[in-house]
Amino acid sequence: MKYILLSLLFLSTLFADIVVIVNSESKVETLNDDYTKMVFMKKIKRLPSGEVLIPLDHNSESEIYNNFYMSVANKNKSRMSKYWAKRVFTGKGQAPEVLASDEEVIRRVMNNINSVGYINSESLVDGVKVIYTVK
């Protein structure tokens, strides 16, 4: 019975949606596919409306990282690593700050109105709002 419950918990996490969140006070209401990709790949610092978004990342070894970038940028962990190495080498920027968990991402987003991060939808709490759902 214990193993069945653990298996169900694992499967529910595996199939949870990934959502992009901002502080609930942020003026940003939604992002489309293109802007989500540009923000997290640090190709833009400001949205056309003028809002600044500072992306936060998960560890590249995590499942959520891989699922997020495959869905948003069509890049696996290896291709993302090469992308950031090239950006750093050419002086075009650094990778987003890496946080260890959904809880850390949520805490940072709640404490900084300009932060944007992605988490499992099951981790949602008051104080943040969803502006994009990974398809």
Protein backbone atom coordinates (compact mmCIF):
# COMPACT_ATOMS: atom_id res chain seq x y z
CA MET A 1 0.00 0.00 0.00
CA LYS A 2 2.83 2.38 0.89
CA TYR A 3 4.41 1.85 -2.53
CA ILE A 4 1.13 2.48 -4.33
CA LEU A 5 0.71 5.82 -2.55
CA LEU A 6 4.28 6.84 -3.34
CA SER A 7 3.77 5.86 -6.97
CA LEU A 8 0.60 7.94 -7.19
CA LEU A 9 2.36 10.92 -5.62
CA PHE A 10 5.22 10.60 -8.12
CA LEU A 11 2.81 10.33 -11.07
CA SER A 12 0.79 13.35 -9.96
CA THR A 13 4.00 15.41 -9.82
CA LEU A 14 5.09 14.04 -13.16
CA PHE A 15 1.88 15.19 -14.84
CA ALA A 16 1.52 18.52 -13.01
CA ASP A 17 1.46 21.60 -15.21
CA ILE A 18 4.40 23.95 -15.16
CA VAL A 19 3.32 27.54 -14.65
CA VAL A 20 5.18 30.83 -14.88
CA ILE A 21 4.51 33.10 -11.93
CA VAL A 22 5.03 36.70 -10.88
CA ASN A 23 4.26 38.64 -7.73
CA SER A 24 0.51 39.15 -7.31
CA GLU A 25 1.11 42.94 -7.35
CA SER A 26 2.92 42.83 -10.71
CA LYS A 27 1.30 44.71 -13.59
CA VAL A 28 2.14 41.80 -15.88
CA GLU A 29 -1.03 39.79 -16.48
CA THR A 30 0.03 37.30 -19.15
CA LEU A 31 2.90 36.23 -21.38
CA ASN A 32 2.63 34.53 -24.74
CA ASP A 33 4.92 31.75 -26.00
CA ASP A 34 7.43 34.11 -27.63
CA TYR A 35 7.80 36.47 -24.68
CA THR A 36 8.12 33.59 -22.23
CA LYS A 37 11.00 32.21 -24.28
CA MET A 38 12.65 35.64 -24.68
CA VAL A 39 12.39 36.46 -20.96
CA PHE A 40 13.87 33.17 -19.74
CA MET A 41 16.60 33.11 -22.39
CA LYS A 42 17.35 36.73 -21.43
CA LYS A 43 16.90 38.08 -24.93
CA ILE A 44 14.83 40.95 -23.51
CA LYS A 45 14.90 42.76 -20.18
CA ARG A 46 11.68 44.71 -20.60
CA LEU A 47 8.29 43.86 -21.98
CA PRO A 48 6.80 46.25 -24.56
CA SER A 49 4.68 47.70 -21.73
CA GLY A 50 7.89 48.70 -19.91
CA GLU A 51 7.79 46.16 -17.07
CA VAL A 52 11.12 44.59 -16.13
CA LEU A 53 11.15 40.83 -15.53
CA ILE A 54 14.09 39.09 -13.84
CA PRO A 55 13.96 35.34 -14.58
CA LEU A 56 14.71 32.71 -11.97
CA ASP A 57 15.73 29.18 -12.84
CA HIS A 58 15.75 25.71 -11.37
CA ASN A 59 18.85 23.52 -11.31
CA SER A 60 19.63 22.12 -14.78
CA GLU A 61 19.64 18.61 -13.31
CA SER A 62 16.02 18.88 -12.24
CA GLU A 63 13.12 17.43 -14.18
CA ILE A 64 11.21 20.72 -14.13
CA TYR A 65 14.14 22.55 -15.76
CA ASN A 66 14.33 20.05 -18.58
CA ASN A 67 10.57 19.96 -19.14
CA PHE A 68 10.32 23.75 -19.07
CA TYR A 69 13.07 24.42 -21.62
CA MET A 70 12.02 21.59 -23.92
CA SER A 71 8.52 23.03 -23.99
CA VAL A 72 9.37 26.73 -24.14
CA ALA A 73 12.60 26.79 -26.18
CA ASN A 74 12.78 23.29 -27.69
CA LYS A 75 16.19 22.85 -26.03
CA ASN A 76 17.38 20.05 -23.78
CA LYS A 77 19.81 20.48 -20.89
CA SER A 78 22.87 20.09 -23.14
CA ARG A 79 21.66 22.64 -25.67
CA MET A 80 20.79 25.10 -22.89
CA SER A 81 24.25 24.68 -21.39
CA LYS A 82 25.81 25.48 -24.78
CA TYR A 83 23.48 28.45 -25.22
CA TRP A 84 24.52 29.98 -21.89
CA ALA A 85 28.22 29.24 -22.46
CA LYS A 86 28.05 31.13 -25.77
CA ARG A 87 26.13 34.07 -24.23
CA VAL A 88 28.69 34.35 -21.41
CA PHE A 89 31.67 34.01 -23.77
CA THR A 90 30.36 36.70 -26.12
CA GLY A 91 29.49 39.04 -23.24
CA LYS A 92 25.76 38.96 -23.98
CA GLY A 93 24.72 37.91 -20.52
CA GLN A 94 24.61 35.43 -17.69
CA ALA A 95 22.15 32.61 -17.09
CA PRO A 96 19.30 33.32 -14.66
CA GLU A 97 19.88 32.82 -10.96
CA VAL A 98 19.37 29.18 -10.00
CA LEU A 99 17.16 28.32 -7.04
CA ALA A 100 16.81 24.89 -5.47
CA SER A 101 13.05 24.41 -5.27
CA ASP A 102 9.59 25.68 -6.12
CA GLU A 103 9.38 27.08 -2.60
CA GLU A 104 12.53 29.18 -3.11
CA VAL A 105 11.21 30.47 -6.45
CA ILE A 106 7.90 31.39 -4.83
CA ARG A 107 9.61 33.13 -1.92
CA ARG A 108 11.81 35.19 -4.28
CA VAL A 109 8.86 36.12 -6.51
CA MET A 110 6.82 37.17 -3.48
CA ASN A 111 9.68 39.37 -2.26
CA ASN A 112 10.57 41.00 -5.60
CA ILE A 113 7.87 42.41 -7.85
CA ASN A 114 10.17 42.11 -10.90
CA SER A 115 11.05 38.43 -10.44
CA VAL A 116 9.49 35.76 -12.65
CA GLY A 117 9.88 32.03 -12.21
CA TYR A 118 8.39 28.70 -13.13
CA ILE A 119 7.03 26.07 -10.75
CA ASN A 120 4.81 23.01 -10.67
CA SER A 121 1.20 24.15 -10.57
CA GLU A 122 0.63 22.05 -7.44
CA SER A 123 3.00 24.38 -5.56
CA LEU A 124 0.89 27.53 -6.15
CA VAL A 125 0.16 29.73 -3.14
CA ASP A 126 -1.44 33.11 -2.47
CA GLY A 127 0.87 36.03 -3.20
CA VAL A 128 1.78 34.95 -6.74
CA LYS A 129 -0.15 34.85 -9.99
CA VAL A 130 0.13 32.66 -13.04
CA ILE A 131 0.98 34.51 -16.25
CA TYR A 132 1.74 31.50 -18.46
CA THR A 133 1.04 27.79 -18.44
CA VAL A 134 3.47 25.49 -20.24
CA LYS A 135 1.72 23.44 -22.90
